[in-house]
Amino acid sequence: MNKGTLEVIVGCMSSGKSEELIRRLKRANIADQTIAVFKPAMDIRNDQGRIASRDGKLHDAVALQSPSEALAYINGVHVVAFDEVQFFDSTLRPLIRDLVSRSIRVIAAGLDTDFRGEPFDQVAWLMAEADSVTKLTAICVRCGEPAIRTQRLIAGDPAPYDSPRIVVGGDELYEARCRTCHEVPATLNINRSEHSQIPTFTGDYY
């Protein structure tokens, strides 16, 4: 009898997490395995019906308001994938345990740390539960060394520690940086004329 497994793919922004997830899904398709792919509905950066990698690869996905909604799509599937898992609430945990107990291969991808460099509890739990963990790195935009941190910017300056933990955005708000170049000041220090263009964050997104 096949055994269920949990594979976790983590890394900072621009590290290729979704690309790696799509690559594994493509291989599962080649093996004629039935797949169900999910993403959080709050991730509004891309088409709600797809997950997308930075190099342009796409894969159909179902956008979920809550992890429990996935149960309506998993009958008879061999592989279940979740992208941007840092967005899901803690009900993802019992769901994944249930899927694995059903001999389903589960693949989960997401950011392991926030802009402060602190772990997302949800992802830390997944890494602890996983059969395998793949941690990807990006390239630091400052020095070219391997990047493991996600740098949030406000008008080009590092976002302060007390700014909202979760703000939706792409390259206009985030950079990949190494541990040395990653900055999290206590307060915002803007010394440029574009200070009037500081975005106002109203959502609870990242």
C-alpha atoms as a PDB file:
ATOM      1  CA  MET A   1       0.000   0.000   0.000  1.00  0.00           C
ATOM      2  CA  ASN A   2       1.293   3.459  -0.865  1.00  0.00           C
ATOM      3  CA  LYS A   3       2.097   5.676   2.078  1.00  0.00           C
ATOM      4  CA  GLY A   4       1.228   9.348   2.277  1.00  0.00           C
ATOM      5  CA  THR A   5       4.046  11.857   2.462  1.00  0.00           C
ATOM      6  CA  LEU A   6       4.538  15.559   3.098  1.00  0.00           C
ATOM      7  CA  GLU A   7       7.097  17.478   1.043  1.00  0.00           C
ATOM      8  CA  VAL A   8       7.798  21.105   1.981  1.00  0.00           C
ATOM      9  CA  ILE A   9       9.448  23.694  -0.266  1.00  0.00           C
ATOM     10  CA  VAL A  10      10.540  26.913   1.449  1.00  0.00           C
ATOM     11  CA  GLY A  11      12.693  29.951   0.846  1.00  0.00           C
ATOM     12  CA  CYS A  12      12.653  33.725   0.600  1.00  0.00           C
ATOM     13  CA  MET A  13      11.034  35.805  -2.133  1.00  0.00           C
ATOM     14  CA  SER A  14      12.400  35.083  -5.636  1.00  0.00           C
ATOM     15  CA  SER A  15      13.942  31.753  -4.610  1.00  0.00           C
ATOM     16  CA  GLY A  16      11.911  29.642  -7.064  1.00  0.00           C
ATOM     17  CA  LYS A  17       9.446  27.965  -4.685  1.00  0.00           C
ATOM     18  CA  SER A  18       6.497  28.018  -7.074  1.00  0.00           C
ATOM     19  CA  GLU A  19       8.753  26.997  -9.949  1.00  0.00           C
ATOM     20  CA  GLU A  20       9.883  23.933  -7.998  1.00  0.00           C
ATOM     21  CA  LEU A  21       6.309  23.134  -7.007  1.00  0.00           C
ATOM     22  CA  ILE A  22       5.159  23.311 -10.637  1.00  0.00           C
ATOM     23  CA  ARG A  23       8.098  21.132 -11.704  1.00  0.00           C
ATOM     24  CA  ARG A  24       7.033  18.400  -9.276  1.00  0.00           C
ATOM     25  CA  LEU A  25       3.426  18.663 -10.410  1.00  0.00           C
ATOM     26  CA  LYS A  26       4.507  18.296 -14.029  1.00  0.00           C
ATOM     27  CA  ARG A  27       6.338  15.082 -13.173  1.00  0.00           C
ATOM     28  CA  ALA A  28       3.259  13.788 -11.357  1.00  0.00           C
ATOM     29  CA  ASN A  29       1.195  14.537 -14.460  1.00  0.00           C
ATOM     30  CA  ILE A  30       3.646  12.599 -16.608  1.00  0.00           C
ATOM     31  CA  ALA A  31       3.177   9.669 -14.220  1.00  0.00           C
ATOM     32  CA  ASP A  32      -0.619   9.873 -14.812  1.00  0.00           C
ATOM     33  CA  GLN A  33      -1.272  10.815 -11.208  1.00  0.00           C
ATOM     34  CA  THR A  34      -4.422  12.765 -10.361  1.00  0.00           C
ATOM     35  CA  ILE A  35      -3.617  16.179  -8.881  1.00  0.00           C
ATOM     36  CA  ALA A  36      -5.422  18.845  -6.870  1.00  0.00           C
ATOM     37  CA  VAL A  37      -3.676  22.205  -6.452  1.00  0.00           C
ATOM     38  CA  PHE A  38      -4.702  24.965  -4.058  1.00  0.00           C
ATOM     39  CA  LYS A  39      -3.718  28.547  -3.269  1.00  0.00           C
ATOM     40  CA  PRO A  40      -5.006  31.035  -0.678  1.00  0.00           C
ATOM     41  CA  ALA A  41      -7.671  33.388  -2.019  1.00  0.00           C
ATOM     42  CA  MET A  42      -5.994  36.307  -0.222  1.00  0.00           C
ATOM     43  CA  ASP A  43      -3.002  36.067  -2.588  1.00  0.00           C
ATOM     44  CA  ILE A  44      -4.312  38.471  -5.221  1.00  0.00           C
ATOM     45  CA  ARG A  45      -1.032  39.042  -7.069  1.00  0.00           C
ATOM     46  CA  ASN A  46      -1.894  36.590  -9.849  1.00  0.00           C
ATOM     47  CA  ASP A  47      -4.877  35.002 -11.566  1.00  0.00           C
ATOM     48  CA  GLN A  48      -7.045  33.453  -8.840  1.00  0.00           C
ATOM     49  CA  GLY A  49      -7.313  30.264 -10.879  1.00  0.00           C
ATOM     50  CA  ARG A  50      -3.573  29.685 -11.235  1.00  0.00           C
ATOM     51  CA  ILE A  51      -0.282  29.567  -9.408  1.00  0.00           C
ATOM     52  CA  ALA A  52       2.560  31.313 -11.208  1.00  0.00           C
ATOM     53  CA  SER A  53       6.334  31.190 -11.008  1.00  0.00           C
ATOM     54  CA  ARG A  54       8.547  34.177 -11.689  1.00  0.00           C
ATOM     55  CA  ASP A  55       9.850  32.593 -14.867  1.00  0.00           C
ATOM     56  CA  GLY A  56       6.350  32.475 -16.330  1.00  0.00           C
ATOM     57  CA  LYS A  57       5.325  28.887 -15.573  1.00  0.00           C
ATOM     58  CA  LEU A  58       1.656  28.445 -14.671  1.00  0.00           C
ATOM     59  CA  HIS A  59      -0.497  25.707 -13.185  1.00  0.00           C
ATOM     60  CA  ASP A  60      -4.236  25.635 -12.591  1.00  0.00           C
ATOM     61  CA  ALA A  61      -5.241  25.956  -8.951  1.00  0.00           C
ATOM     62  CA  VAL A  62      -8.307  26.415  -6.774  1.00  0.00           C
ATOM     63  CA  ALA A  63      -8.327  29.530  -4.586  1.00  0.00           C
ATOM     64  CA  LEU A  64      -9.421  28.745  -1.014  1.00  0.00           C
ATOM     65  CA  GLN A  65     -10.833  31.044   1.630  1.00  0.00           C
ATOM     66  CA  SER A  66     -10.246  28.266   4.175  1.00  0.00           C
ATOM     67  CA  PRO A  67      -8.177  25.055   3.976  1.00  0.00           C
ATOM     68  CA  SER A  68     -11.265  22.958   4.764  1.00  0.00           C
ATOM     69  CA  GLU A  69     -12.712  23.891   1.366  1.00  0.00           C
ATOM     70  CA  ALA A  70     -10.099  21.619  -0.217  1.00  0.00           C
ATOM     71  CA  LEU A  71     -11.993  18.546   0.961  1.00  0.00           C
ATOM     72  CA  ALA A  72     -14.515  19.008  -1.853  1.00  0.00           C
ATOM     73  CA  TYR A  73     -11.785  18.468  -4.472  1.00  0.00           C
ATOM     74  CA  ILE A  74      -9.618  15.622  -3.223  1.00  0.00           C
ATOM     75  CA  ASN A  75     -11.654  12.472  -3.771  1.00  0.00           C
ATOM     76  CA  GLY A  76      -9.543  10.001  -5.716  1.00  0.00           C
ATOM     77  CA  VAL A  77      -6.480  12.227  -6.048  1.00  0.00           C
ATOM     78  CA  HIS A  78      -2.897  11.038  -5.679  1.00  0.00           C
ATOM     79  CA  VAL A  79      -1.181  14.397  -5.131  1.00  0.00           C
ATOM     80  CA  VAL A  80      -2.399  17.504  -3.288  1.00  0.00           C
ATOM     81  CA  ALA A  81      -0.368  20.719  -3.515  1.00  0.00           C
ATOM     82  CA  PHE A  82      -0.637  23.983  -1.577  1.00  0.00           C
ATOM     83  CA  ASP A  83       1.180  27.138  -2.676  1.00  0.00           C
ATOM     84  CA  GLU A  84       1.894  30.201  -0.474  1.00  0.00           C
ATOM     85  CA  VAL A  85       1.120  28.194   2.666  1.00  0.00           C
ATOM     86  CA  GLN A  86       2.142  31.071   4.939  1.00  0.00           C
ATOM     87  CA  PHE A  87      -1.245  32.613   4.090  1.00  0.00           C
ATOM     88  CA  PHE A  88      -3.334  29.719   5.415  1.00  0.00           C
ATOM     89  CA  ASP A  89      -4.614  29.535   8.986  1.00  0.00           C
ATOM     90  CA  SER A  90      -3.881  26.757  11.477  1.00  0.00           C
ATOM     91  CA  THR A  91      -6.711  24.541  10.177  1.00  0.00           C
ATOM     92  CA  LEU A  92      -4.260  23.561   7.434  1.00  0.00           C
ATOM     93  CA  ARG A  93      -2.456  21.334   9.965  1.00  0.00           C
ATOM     94  CA  PRO A  94      -5.189  18.755  10.669  1.00  0.00           C
ATOM     95  CA  LEU A  95      -6.139  18.816   6.989  1.00  0.00           C
ATOM     96  CA  ILE A  96      -2.633  17.866   5.880  1.00  0.00           C
ATOM     97  CA  ARG A  97      -2.376  15.181   8.539  1.00  0.00           C
ATOM     98  CA  ASP A  98      -5.663  13.765   7.285  1.00  0.00           C
ATOM     99  CA  LEU A  99      -4.504  13.815   3.660  1.00  0.00           C
ATOM    100  CA  VAL A 100      -1.261  12.035   4.503  1.00  0.00           C
ATOM    101  CA  SER A 101      -3.185   9.432   6.484  1.00  0.00           C
ATOM    102  CA  ARG A 102      -5.173   8.748   3.310  1.00  0.00           C
ATOM    103  CA  SER A 103      -1.951   7.788   1.508  1.00  0.00           C
ATOM    104  CA  ILE A 104      -1.895  11.083  -0.428  1.00  0.00           C
ATOM    105  CA  ARG A 105       1.331  12.794  -1.408  1.00  0.00           C
ATOM    106  CA  VAL A 106       1.138  16.390  -0.151  1.00  0.00           C
ATOM    107  CA  ILE A 107       3.437  19.144  -1.422  1.00  0.00           C
ATOM    108  CA  ALA A 108       3.448  22.514   0.351  1.00  0.00           C
ATOM    109  CA  ALA A 109       5.389  25.608  -0.716  1.00  0.00           C
ATOM    110  CA  GLY A 110       5.800  28.986   0.948  1.00  0.00           C
ATOM    111  CA  LEU A 111       7.921  31.591   2.680  1.00  0.00           C
ATOM    112  CA  ASP A 112       9.657  30.273   5.780  1.00  0.00           C
ATOM    113  CA  THR A 113      10.248  33.712   7.335  1.00  0.00           C
ATOM    114  CA  ASP A 114       8.576  37.121   7.200  1.00  0.00           C
ATOM    115  CA  PHE A 115      10.184  40.473   6.351  1.00  0.00           C
ATOM    116  CA  ARG A 116      11.582  40.644   9.892  1.00  0.00           C
ATOM    117  CA  GLY A 117      13.385  37.343   9.420  1.00  0.00           C
ATOM    118  CA  GLU A 118      11.062  35.612  11.891  1.00  0.00           C
ATOM    119  CA  PRO A 119       9.488  32.213  11.131  1.00  0.00           C
ATOM    120  CA  PHE A 120       5.895  31.843  10.035  1.00  0.00           C
ATOM    121  CA  ASP A 121       4.430  29.477  12.635  1.00  0.00           C
ATOM    122  CA  GLN A 122       2.418  27.600  10.029  1.00  0.00           C
ATOM    123  CA  VAL A 123       5.436  26.906   7.855  1.00  0.00           C
ATOM    124  CA  ALA A 124       7.654  26.006  10.803  1.00  0.00           C
ATOM    125  CA  TRP A 125       5.090  23.363  11.790  1.00  0.00           C
ATOM    126  CA  LEU A 126       5.002  21.985   8.247  1.00  0.00           C
ATOM    127  CA  MET A 127       8.785  21.738   8.163  1.00  0.00           C
ATOM    128  CA  ALA A 128       8.770  19.832  11.448  1.00  0.00           C
ATOM    129  CA  GLU A 129       6.096  17.413  10.175  1.00  0.00           C
ATOM    130  CA  ALA A 130       7.603  16.953   6.709  1.00  0.00           C
ATOM    131  CA  ASP A 131       9.120  13.802   5.261  1.00  0.00           C
ATOM    132  CA  SER A 132      11.421  16.086   3.255  1.00  0.00           C
ATOM    133  CA  VAL A 133      12.224  19.807   3.247  1.00  0.00           C
ATOM    134  CA  THR A 134      13.758  21.683   0.332  1.00  0.00           C
ATOM    135  CA  LYS A 135      15.072  25.123   1.255  1.00  0.00           C
ATOM    136  CA  LEU A 136      15.815  27.311  -1.751  1.00  0.00           C
ATOM    137  CA  THR A 137      17.881  30.487  -1.888  1.00  0.00           C
ATOM    138  CA  ALA A 138      17.727  33.521  -4.146  1.00  0.00           C
ATOM    139  CA  ILE A 139      20.441  36.020  -5.098  1.00  0.00           C
ATOM    140  CA  CYS A 140      20.977  39.007  -2.814  1.00  0.00           C
ATOM    141  CA  VAL A 141      20.242  42.163  -4.799  1.00  0.00           C
ATOM    142  CA  ARG A 142      22.888  44.053  -2.800  1.00  0.00           C
ATOM    143  CA  CYS A 143      25.957  41.814  -2.834  1.00  0.00           C
ATOM    144  CA  GLY A 144      25.178  38.839  -5.067  1.00  0.00           C
ATOM    145  CA  GLU A 145      25.572  36.260  -2.299  1.00  0.00           C
ATOM    146  CA  PRO A 146      22.917  33.587  -1.639  1.00  0.00           C
ATOM    147  CA  ALA A 147      19.811  35.248  -0.201  1.00  0.00           C
ATOM    148  CA  ILE A 148      17.725  33.711   2.575  1.00  0.00           C
ATOM    149  CA  ARG A 149      15.765  36.778   3.703  1.00  0.00           C
ATOM    150  CA  THR A 150      12.845  38.754   2.298  1.00  0.00           C
ATOM    151  CA  GLN A 151      13.438  42.508   2.512  1.00  0.00           C
ATOM    152  CA  ARG A 152      10.346  44.703   2.531  1.00  0.00           C
ATOM    153  CA  LEU A 153      10.763  48.247   1.269  1.00  0.00           C
ATOM    154  CA  ILE A 154       8.772  51.421   1.836  1.00  0.00           C
ATOM    155  CA  ALA A 155       9.650  54.106  -0.701  1.00  0.00           C
ATOM    156  CA  GLY A 156      12.955  52.320  -1.205  1.00  0.00           C
ATOM    157  CA  ASP A 157      13.867  52.104   2.482  1.00  0.00           C
ATOM    158  CA  PRO A 158      13.763  49.007   4.707  1.00  0.00           C
ATOM    159  CA  ALA A 159      10.383  48.630   6.408  1.00  0.00           C
ATOM    160  CA  PRO A 160      10.558  49.044  10.201  1.00  0.00           C
ATOM    161  CA  TYR A 161       9.930  46.160  12.563  1.00  0.00           C
ATOM    162  CA  ASP A 162       6.556  47.494  13.721  1.00  0.00           C
ATOM    163  CA  SER A 163       5.049  47.763  10.227  1.00  0.00           C
ATOM    164  CA  PRO A 164       2.306  45.247   9.299  1.00  0.00           C
ATOM    165  CA  ARG A 165       3.642  41.724   9.201  1.00  0.00           C
ATOM    166  CA  ILE A 166       1.639  40.772   6.123  1.00  0.00           C
ATOM    167  CA  VAL A 167       1.379  43.045   3.075  1.00  0.00           C
ATOM    168  CA  VAL A 168       0.648  41.835  -0.438  1.00  0.00           C
ATOM    169  CA  GLY A 169       3.184  42.835  -3.065  1.00  0.00           C
ATOM    170  CA  GLY A 170       5.827  41.825  -5.553  1.00  0.00           C
ATOM    171  CA  ASP A 171       9.131  43.260  -6.725  1.00  0.00           C
ATOM    172  CA  GLU A 172       7.929  46.796  -6.037  1.00  0.00           C
ATOM    173  CA  LEU A 173       7.821  46.056  -2.293  1.00  0.00           C
ATOM    174  CA  TYR A 174      10.198  43.153  -1.757  1.00  0.00           C
ATOM    175  CA  GLU A 175      13.796  42.167  -2.434  1.00  0.00           C
ATOM    176  CA  ALA A 176      15.790  39.040  -1.772  1.00  0.00           C
ATOM    177  CA  ARG A 177      18.750  39.699   0.516  1.00  0.00           C
ATOM    178  CA  CYS A 178      21.401  37.743   2.367  1.00  0.00           C
ATOM    179  CA  ARG A 179      21.578  37.712   6.146  1.00  0.00           C
ATOM    180  CA  THR A 180      24.173  40.518   6.185  1.00  0.00           C
ATOM    181  CA  CYS A 181      22.334  42.879   3.825  1.00  0.00           C
ATOM    182  CA  HIS A 182      18.910  42.286   5.360  1.00  0.00           C
ATOM    183  CA  GLU A 183      17.784  45.309   7.407  1.00  0.00           C
ATOM    184  CA  VAL A 184      14.954  45.720   9.903  1.00  0.00           C
ATOM    185  CA  PRO A 185      15.192  49.156  11.544  1.00  0.00           C
ATOM    186  CA  ALA A 186      13.169  50.035  14.632  1.00  0.00           C
ATOM    187  CA  THR A 187      11.667  53.066  12.877  1.00  0.00           C
ATOM    188  CA  LEU A 188      11.287  54.193   9.282  1.00  0.00           C
ATOM    189  CA  ASN A 189      13.987  56.577   8.056  1.00  0.00           C
ATOM    190  CA  ILE A 190      13.182  58.161   4.698  1.00  0.00           C
ATOM    191  CA  ASN A 191      15.517  60.846   3.383  1.00  0.00           C
ATOM    192  CA  ARG A 192      14.331  61.153  -0.193  1.00  0.00           C
ATOM    193  CA  SER A 193      11.835  63.300  -2.060  1.00  0.00           C
ATOM    194  CA  GLU A 194       9.542  60.394  -2.872  1.00  0.00           C
ATOM    195  CA  HIS A 195       8.486  60.121   0.778  1.00  0.00           C
ATOM    196  CA  SER A 196       5.069  61.388  -0.334  1.00  0.00           C
ATOM    197  CA  GLN A 197       4.613  58.162  -2.297  1.00  0.00           C
ATOM    198  CA  ILE A 198       4.752  55.857   0.727  1.00  0.00           C
ATOM    199  CA  PRO A 199       2.011  53.272   0.179  1.00  0.00           C
ATOM    200  CA  THR A 200      -0.813  52.918   2.661  1.00  0.00           C
ATOM    201  CA  PHE A 201      -1.370  49.287   3.629  1.00  0.00           C
ATOM    202  CA  THR A 202      -4.981  48.414   4.336  1.00  0.00           C
ATOM    203  CA  GLY A 203      -4.980  44.647   3.838  1.00  0.00           C
ATOM    204  CA  ASP A 204      -3.675  41.832   5.964  1.00  0.00           C
ATOM    205  CA  TYR A 205      -1.585  40.353   3.170  1.00  0.00           C
ATOM    206  CA  TYR A 206       2.074  39.557   2.482  1.00  0.00           C
END
